[in-house]
Amino acid sequence: MKIVLLVALSALSGAALAQTTTANTDRRAALSDREVMILWEKLMIVTSGETEEDALANLRSHGMGEDGAKALVTFRTKALAELQHDGDRLYLDVCGKQKEIRESGGPEMVAQLVEQSIRREADTRRRLLAEADSLLSLQDQERLEHLYSGGHGPNIDITETNIAMRVRSGEIPVEQAITAACEQLKKSRTSRS
């Protein structure tokens, strides 16, 4: 009888966690790209610190469990690298297609590459936020959600610079965009070496 009850309770808690994770994923899918970016920045702030121990202490001070805190701090490094890879892809695209951009693509081609990059990064952030949730217990997910929504977490606002529009209008010349992309690509490759 005890074994059956334990199995039933275990199955119910697993189902509840799956429902909460699904609910968070569904809720994240409904958010605008700007809202996802704000949640992403909040996650990066609450998982940061001068040292790994500082980052863990910060999460624990907000009520996060030890396992959840460790999972998020470890996740942060992987997630930042993945997002950096997405950002580097824009530099690779613009720098790699500079001849085509100069000959026939012009500002519109650069603007489209920027918009594709923004979309790709938004999708990556959305997926990574869902992945972060999946690493946590139900309690830690609720604690993290509280940090996102309450006055207890970081206060974030995003300034929109609309680079695509600025390239289209000529405010950012094509040559400047190509030069900047090639320099950033070189810096990124140097920092990985």
Protein backbone atom coordinates (compact mmCIF):
# COMPACT_ATOMS: atom_id res chain seq x y z
CA MET A 1 0.00 0.00 0.00
CA LYS A 2 2.80 2.42 0.94
CA ILE A 3 4.69 1.67 -2.27
CA VAL A 4 1.58 2.26 -4.40
CA LEU A 5 0.94 5.56 -2.60
CA LEU A 6 4.55 6.69 -3.08
CA VAL A 7 4.45 5.79 -6.76
CA ALA A 8 1.14 7.65 -7.18
CA LEU A 9 2.47 10.74 -5.37
CA SER A 10 5.65 10.64 -7.43
CA ALA A 11 3.67 10.39 -10.66
CA LEU A 12 1.40 13.26 -9.62
CA SER A 13 4.33 15.53 -8.73
CA GLY A 14 5.96 14.69 -12.06
CA ALA A 15 2.73 15.53 -13.88
CA ALA A 16 2.42 18.80 -11.97
CA LEU A 17 5.99 19.75 -12.89
CA ALA A 18 5.35 18.87 -16.52
CA GLN A 19 2.17 20.98 -16.51
CA THR A 20 4.00 23.94 -14.94
CA THR A 21 6.89 23.62 -17.39
CA THR A 22 4.41 23.41 -20.28
CA ALA A 23 2.49 26.38 -18.90
CA ASN A 24 5.70 28.43 -18.62
CA THR A 25 6.71 27.42 -22.17
CA ASP A 26 3.24 28.32 -23.50
CA ARG A 27 3.29 31.64 -21.62
CA ARG A 28 6.79 32.40 -22.97
CA ALA A 29 5.61 31.63 -26.53
CA ALA A 30 2.90 34.28 -26.14
CA LEU A 31 5.37 36.97 -25.02
CA SER A 32 6.64 39.61 -27.41
CA ASP A 33 10.29 39.51 -28.43
CA ARG A 34 10.87 42.59 -26.25
CA GLU A 35 9.32 40.86 -23.21
CA VAL A 36 11.45 37.77 -23.85
CA MET A 37 14.56 39.97 -24.07
CA ILE A 38 13.68 41.59 -20.73
CA LEU A 39 13.19 38.18 -19.07
CA TRP A 40 16.47 37.03 -20.57
CA GLU A 41 18.32 40.04 -19.14
CA LYS A 42 16.73 39.47 -15.73
CA LEU A 43 17.86 35.84 -15.81
CA MET A 44 21.40 36.88 -16.76
CA ILE A 45 21.50 39.41 -13.92
CA VAL A 46 20.21 37.07 -11.21
CA THR A 47 22.62 34.33 -12.31
CA SER A 48 25.68 36.58 -12.43
CA GLY A 49 28.33 37.38 -9.85
CA GLU A 50 32.01 38.17 -9.47
CA THR A 51 32.57 34.49 -8.78
CA GLU A 52 30.46 31.37 -9.13
CA GLU A 53 29.93 31.38 -5.36
CA ASP A 54 28.62 34.98 -5.56
CA ALA A 55 26.17 33.93 -8.27
CA LEU A 56 25.01 30.95 -6.20
CA ALA A 57 24.64 33.13 -3.09
CA ASN A 58 22.60 35.67 -5.06
CA LEU A 59 20.16 33.01 -6.24
CA ARG A 60 19.94 31.41 -2.80
CA SER A 61 19.24 34.84 -1.24
CA HIS A 62 16.10 34.95 -3.38
CA GLY A 63 14.98 31.56 -2.06
CA MET A 64 16.32 29.37 -4.87
CA GLY A 65 17.27 25.86 -3.79
CA GLU A 66 20.89 24.70 -3.96
CA ASP A 67 20.33 22.35 -6.92
CA GLY A 68 18.37 24.97 -8.87
CA ALA A 69 20.98 27.65 -8.20
CA LYS A 70 23.80 25.38 -9.39
CA ALA A 71 21.86 24.35 -12.48
CA LEU A 72 21.18 27.97 -13.45
CA VAL A 73 24.75 29.15 -12.90
CA THR A 74 26.06 26.28 -15.03
CA PHE A 75 23.36 26.90 -17.62
CA ARG A 76 24.27 30.61 -17.84
CA THR A 77 27.71 29.90 -19.31
CA LYS A 78 26.33 27.55 -21.97
CA ALA A 79 23.43 29.84 -22.80
CA LEU A 80 25.62 32.94 -23.20
CA ALA A 81 27.95 31.03 -25.53
CA GLU A 82 25.00 29.91 -27.64
CA LEU A 83 23.59 33.42 -27.88
CA GLN A 84 27.04 34.78 -28.72
CA HIS A 85 27.25 32.25 -31.54
CA ASP A 86 23.94 33.58 -32.93
CA GLY A 87 25.25 37.14 -32.73
CA ASP A 88 28.48 36.19 -34.46
CA ARG A 89 26.47 34.71 -37.31
CA LEU A 90 25.28 38.22 -38.27
CA TYR A 91 28.87 39.41 -38.51
CA LEU A 92 29.77 36.36 -40.57
CA ASP A 93 26.78 36.92 -42.88
CA VAL A 94 27.49 40.61 -43.48
CA CYS A 95 31.26 40.25 -43.75
CA GLY A 96 31.01 37.12 -45.87
CA LYS A 97 28.52 38.66 -48.29
CA GLN A 98 30.19 42.05 -48.58
CA LYS A 99 30.85 41.72 -52.31
CA GLU A 100 27.22 40.79 -52.99
CA ILE A 101 26.03 43.59 -50.67
CA ARG A 102 28.19 46.17 -52.47
CA GLU A 103 27.27 45.00 -55.98
CA SER A 104 23.53 44.49 -55.72
CA GLY A 105 22.20 44.15 -52.16
CA GLY A 106 22.94 47.53 -50.64
CA PRO A 107 21.19 48.78 -47.52
CA GLU A 108 18.17 46.52 -48.00
CA MET A 109 20.27 43.35 -47.91
CA VAL A 110 22.10 44.47 -44.77
CA ALA A 111 18.79 45.42 -43.13
CA GLN A 112 17.33 42.01 -43.96
CA LEU A 113 20.38 40.25 -42.50
CA VAL A 114 20.00 42.31 -39.32
CA GLU A 115 16.29 41.45 -39.09
CA GLN A 116 17.03 37.74 -39.59
CA SER A 117 19.63 37.93 -36.83
CA ILE A 118 17.22 39.65 -34.45
CA ARG A 119 14.58 36.98 -35.13
CA ARG A 120 17.10 34.16 -34.66
CA GLU A 121 18.33 35.64 -31.36
CA ALA A 122 14.75 36.13 -30.10
CA ASP A 123 13.95 32.49 -30.89
CA THR A 124 17.14 31.37 -29.14
CA ARG A 125 16.33 33.43 -26.03
CA ARG A 126 12.80 32.01 -25.94
CA ARG A 127 14.11 28.44 -26.22
CA LEU A 128 16.83 29.03 -23.62
CA LEU A 129 14.34 30.50 -21.14
CA ALA A 130 12.23 27.35 -21.52
CA GLU A 131 15.36 25.24 -21.07
CA ALA A 132 16.24 27.13 -17.89
CA ASP A 133 12.77 26.42 -16.53
CA SER A 134 13.15 22.73 -17.35
CA LEU A 135 16.27 22.53 -15.16
CA LEU A 136 14.39 23.63 -12.06
CA SER A 137 12.08 22.04 -9.56
CA LEU A 138 8.52 23.35 -9.39
CA GLN A 139 9.43 25.42 -6.32
CA ASP A 140 12.49 26.93 -7.98
CA GLN A 141 10.48 27.69 -11.13
CA GLU A 142 7.98 29.58 -9.01
CA ARG A 143 10.80 31.45 -7.26
CA LEU A 144 12.33 32.42 -10.60
CA GLU A 145 8.93 33.52 -11.93
CA HIS A 146 8.54 35.65 -8.81
CA LEU A 147 11.90 37.29 -9.56
CA TYR A 148 10.80 37.96 -13.12
CA SER A 149 7.47 39.51 -12.21
CA GLY A 150 7.90 41.07 -8.80
CA GLY A 151 9.69 44.09 -7.47
CA HIS A 152 12.22 41.68 -5.94
CA GLY A 153 14.16 41.04 -9.13
CA PRO A 154 16.18 43.39 -11.30
CA ASN A 155 14.48 46.32 -12.97
CA ILE A 156 15.18 46.13 -16.70
CA ASP A 157 14.30 48.22 -19.71
CA ILE A 158 15.48 47.70 -23.26
CA THR A 159 16.46 50.58 -25.50
CA GLU A 160 15.54 49.92 -29.12
CA THR A 161 18.05 51.23 -31.64
CA ASN A 162 16.37 49.74 -34.75
CA ILE A 163 19.56 49.13 -36.67
CA ALA A 164 17.70 47.74 -39.69
CA MET A 165 15.75 50.97 -40.11
CA ARG A 166 18.89 53.05 -39.63
CA VAL A 167 20.68 51.06 -42.37
CA ARG A 168 17.71 51.40 -44.73
CA SER A 169 17.53 55.16 -44.19
CA GLY A 170 21.27 55.59 -44.79
CA GLU A 171 21.93 56.76 -41.23
CA ILE A 172 24.31 53.80 -41.00
CA PRO A 173 26.12 53.58 -44.35
CA VAL A 174 26.57 50.13 -45.90
CA GLU A 175 30.37 50.45 -45.82
CA GLN A 176 30.27 51.29 -42.11
CA ALA A 177 28.05 48.24 -41.45
CA ILE A 178 30.40 45.96 -43.41
CA THR A 179 33.50 47.34 -41.66
CA ALA A 180 31.90 47.01 -38.22
CA ALA A 181 30.73 43.44 -38.95
CA CYS A 182 34.17 42.35 -40.16
CA GLU A 183 35.87 43.93 -37.11
CA GLN A 184 33.43 42.27 -34.71
CA LEU A 185 33.91 38.93 -36.43
CA LYS A 186 37.68 39.26 -36.08
CA LYS A 187 37.36 40.21 -32.37
CA SER A 188 35.04 37.28 -31.75
CA ARG A 189 37.41 34.81 -33.39
CA THR A 190 40.39 36.27 -31.49
CA SER A 191 38.60 36.01 -28.15
CA ARG A 192 37.78 32.33 -28.77
CA SER A 193 41.43 31.51 -29.54
